[in-house]
Amino acid sequence: MILPGERVLLVDDILTTGGSLLAMIPAVEAMGGEIVECVVLVDRSGGRATLTSPATGRTYPLRSLWQLDLPTYEPGAATCPRCAAGEPVHAPGSTGAAAPVGA
């Protein structure tokens, strides 16, 4: 339970789109909590510095312990270099061995 006026630090493990934190912000605001900052362990967003509440429009500072720059592409030869090269898509299996997607 968060009491009105209670200071809150939102923490998440990995930030890619910010969806998890953005889902938590309105709940904390609705309970009257004061979000001091949002912190993630790994930032894969490309260096996002703030998060804006979808409910109130208020902006909160965002910090990370580590920024990881991983390029991502929409599927298709027009946007993905590996798709354009005809390389098959693989996803790691539970054993750590690569397995074709959909297998």
C-alpha atoms as a PDB file:
ATOM      1  CA  MET A   1       0.000   0.000   0.000  1.00  0.00           C
ATOM      2  CA  ILE A   2       1.241   3.472  -0.867  1.00  0.00           C
ATOM      3  CA  LEU A   3       0.084   6.291   1.377  1.00  0.00           C
ATOM      4  CA  PRO A   4      -0.720   9.767   0.028  1.00  0.00           C
ATOM      5  CA  GLY A   5       2.466  11.836  -0.092  1.00  0.00           C
ATOM      6  CA  GLU A   6       4.713   8.788   0.324  1.00  0.00           C
ATOM      7  CA  ARG A   7       7.888   9.021  -1.777  1.00  0.00           C
ATOM      8  CA  VAL A   8       8.249   6.203  -4.318  1.00  0.00           C
ATOM      9  CA  LEU A   9      11.196   4.955  -6.353  1.00  0.00           C
ATOM     10  CA  LEU A  10      10.068   2.861  -9.324  1.00  0.00           C
ATOM     11  CA  VAL A  11      12.606   0.181 -10.288  1.00  0.00           C
ATOM     12  CA  ASP A  12      12.613  -2.220 -13.233  1.00  0.00           C
ATOM     13  CA  ASP A  13      15.186  -4.653 -14.558  1.00  0.00           C
ATOM     14  CA  ILE A  14      15.300  -3.907 -18.300  1.00  0.00           C
ATOM     15  CA  LEU A  15      13.889  -0.915 -20.177  1.00  0.00           C
ATOM     16  CA  THR A  16      13.170  -1.332 -23.859  1.00  0.00           C
ATOM     17  CA  THR A  17       9.925   0.534 -24.546  1.00  0.00           C
ATOM     18  CA  GLY A  18       9.155   1.666 -20.996  1.00  0.00           C
ATOM     19  CA  GLY A  19       5.826  -0.177 -20.998  1.00  0.00           C
ATOM     20  CA  SER A  20       6.199  -1.757 -17.550  1.00  0.00           C
ATOM     21  CA  LEU A  21       7.137   1.475 -15.823  1.00  0.00           C
ATOM     22  CA  LEU A  22       4.496   3.423 -17.744  1.00  0.00           C
ATOM     23  CA  ALA A  23       1.896   0.934 -16.491  1.00  0.00           C
ATOM     24  CA  MET A  24       3.008   1.409 -12.853  1.00  0.00           C
ATOM     25  CA  ILE A  25       3.089   5.218 -12.866  1.00  0.00           C
ATOM     26  CA  PRO A  26      -0.702   5.829 -12.998  1.00  0.00           C
ATOM     27  CA  ALA A  27      -1.305   3.348 -10.156  1.00  0.00           C
ATOM     28  CA  VAL A  28       1.192   5.140  -7.902  1.00  0.00           C
ATOM     29  CA  GLU A  29      -0.246   8.541  -8.866  1.00  0.00           C
ATOM     30  CA  ALA A  30      -3.816   7.344  -8.167  1.00  0.00           C
ATOM     31  CA  MET A  31      -2.803   6.323  -4.638  1.00  0.00           C
ATOM     32  CA  GLY A  32      -1.251   9.739  -4.055  1.00  0.00           C
ATOM     33  CA  GLY A  33       2.349   8.526  -4.096  1.00  0.00           C
ATOM     34  CA  GLU A  34       5.099  10.968  -5.047  1.00  0.00           C
ATOM     35  CA  ILE A  35       7.320   9.345  -7.674  1.00  0.00           C
ATOM     36  CA  VAL A  36      10.829  10.598  -6.992  1.00  0.00           C
ATOM     37  CA  GLU A  37      12.555   8.806  -9.852  1.00  0.00           C
ATOM     38  CA  CYS A  38      12.403   5.789 -12.154  1.00  0.00           C
ATOM     39  CA  VAL A  39      15.489   3.554 -12.253  1.00  0.00           C
ATOM     40  CA  VAL A  40      16.351   0.562 -14.427  1.00  0.00           C
ATOM     41  CA  LEU A  41      19.265  -1.826 -14.281  1.00  0.00           C
ATOM     42  CA  VAL A  42      19.697  -2.005 -18.075  1.00  0.00           C
ATOM     43  CA  ASP A  43      18.497   0.603 -20.566  1.00  0.00           C
ATOM     44  CA  ARG A  44      17.937  -0.759 -24.078  1.00  0.00           C
ATOM     45  CA  SER A  45      15.770   2.214 -25.114  1.00  0.00           C
ATOM     46  CA  GLY A  46      18.533   4.188 -26.769  1.00  0.00           C
ATOM     47  CA  GLY A  47      19.082   6.588 -23.885  1.00  0.00           C
ATOM     48  CA  ARG A  48      15.635   7.716 -22.784  1.00  0.00           C
ATOM     49  CA  ALA A  49      15.992  10.310 -19.984  1.00  0.00           C
ATOM     50  CA  THR A  50      12.392  10.702 -18.798  1.00  0.00           C
ATOM     51  CA  LEU A  51       9.054   8.899 -18.629  1.00  0.00           C
ATOM     52  CA  THR A  52       5.769  10.740 -19.063  1.00  0.00           C
ATOM     53  CA  SER A  53       2.700   9.535 -17.204  1.00  0.00           C
ATOM     54  CA  PRO A  54      -0.037   8.405 -19.596  1.00  0.00           C
ATOM     55  CA  ALA A  55      -2.618   9.505 -16.997  1.00  0.00           C
ATOM     56  CA  THR A  56      -1.414  12.933 -15.892  1.00  0.00           C
ATOM     57  CA  GLY A  57       1.240  13.966 -18.419  1.00  0.00           C
ATOM     58  CA  ARG A  58       3.702  14.522 -15.578  1.00  0.00           C
ATOM     59  CA  THR A  59       7.323  13.795 -16.481  1.00  0.00           C
ATOM     60  CA  TYR A  60       9.610  11.758 -14.230  1.00  0.00           C
ATOM     61  CA  PRO A  61      13.407  11.412 -14.400  1.00  0.00           C
ATOM     62  CA  LEU A  62      14.783   8.069 -15.561  1.00  0.00           C
ATOM     63  CA  ARG A  63      18.236   6.699 -14.785  1.00  0.00           C
ATOM     64  CA  SER A  64      19.957   3.416 -15.547  1.00  0.00           C
ATOM     65  CA  LEU A  65      22.946   1.560 -14.189  1.00  0.00           C
ATOM     66  CA  TRP A  66      23.930   0.362 -17.652  1.00  0.00           C
ATOM     67  CA  GLN A  67      23.023   1.460 -21.179  1.00  0.00           C
ATOM     68  CA  LEU A  68      23.075  -1.277 -23.790  1.00  0.00           C
ATOM     69  CA  ASP A  69      22.851  -0.253 -27.430  1.00  0.00           C
ATOM     70  CA  LEU A  70      21.303  -3.146 -29.337  1.00  0.00           C
ATOM     71  CA  PRO A  71      19.983  -2.374 -32.799  1.00  0.00           C
ATOM     72  CA  THR A  72      16.461  -3.628 -33.434  1.00  0.00           C
ATOM     73  CA  TYR A  73      14.650  -3.838 -36.748  1.00  0.00           C
ATOM     74  CA  GLU A  74      11.086  -4.272 -37.922  1.00  0.00           C
ATOM     75  CA  PRO A  75      10.736  -7.585 -39.792  1.00  0.00           C
ATOM     76  CA  GLY A  76      11.135  -7.494 -43.543  1.00  0.00           C
ATOM     77  CA  ALA A  77      13.820  -7.027 -46.147  1.00  0.00           C
ATOM     78  CA  ALA A  78      13.187  -3.274 -46.391  1.00  0.00           C
ATOM     79  CA  THR A  79      14.134  -2.610 -42.761  1.00  0.00           C
ATOM     80  CA  CYS A  80      16.142  -5.626 -41.538  1.00  0.00           C
ATOM     81  CA  PRO A  81      19.614  -6.221 -43.038  1.00  0.00           C
ATOM     82  CA  ARG A  82      19.633  -9.906 -42.060  1.00  0.00           C
ATOM     83  CA  CYS A  83      16.160 -10.422 -43.568  1.00  0.00           C
ATOM     84  CA  ALA A  84      17.410  -8.760 -46.754  1.00  0.00           C
ATOM     85  CA  ALA A  85      20.354 -11.187 -46.776  1.00  0.00           C
ATOM     86  CA  GLY A  86      17.937 -14.138 -46.518  1.00  0.00           C
ATOM     87  CA  GLU A  87      19.265 -15.305 -43.154  1.00  0.00           C
ATOM     88  CA  PRO A  88      16.831 -17.491 -41.178  1.00  0.00           C
ATOM     89  CA  VAL A  89      15.479 -16.179 -37.868  1.00  0.00           C
ATOM     90  CA  HIS A  90      16.599 -18.115 -34.793  1.00  0.00           C
ATOM     91  CA  ALA A  91      15.555 -17.869 -31.140  1.00  0.00           C
ATOM     92  CA  PRO A  92      17.478 -19.449 -28.273  1.00  0.00           C
ATOM     93  CA  GLY A  93      15.859 -22.530 -26.790  1.00  0.00           C
ATOM     94  CA  SER A  94      15.653 -23.431 -23.120  1.00  0.00           C
ATOM     95  CA  THR A  95      18.918 -25.381 -23.455  1.00  0.00           C
ATOM     96  CA  GLY A  96      20.726 -22.336 -24.816  1.00  0.00           C
ATOM     97  CA  ALA A  97      21.010 -23.901 -28.271  1.00  0.00           C
ATOM     98  CA  ALA A  98      19.615 -21.885 -31.132  1.00  0.00           C
ATOM     99  CA  ALA A  99      16.314 -23.196 -32.440  1.00  0.00           C
ATOM    100  CA  PRO A 100      14.419 -21.915 -35.481  1.00  0.00           C
ATOM    101  CA  VAL A 101      11.494 -19.653 -34.606  1.00  0.00           C
ATOM    102  CA  GLY A 102       8.222 -21.579 -34.777  1.00  0.00           C
ATOM    103  CA  ALA A 103       9.946 -24.924 -34.209  1.00  0.00           C
END
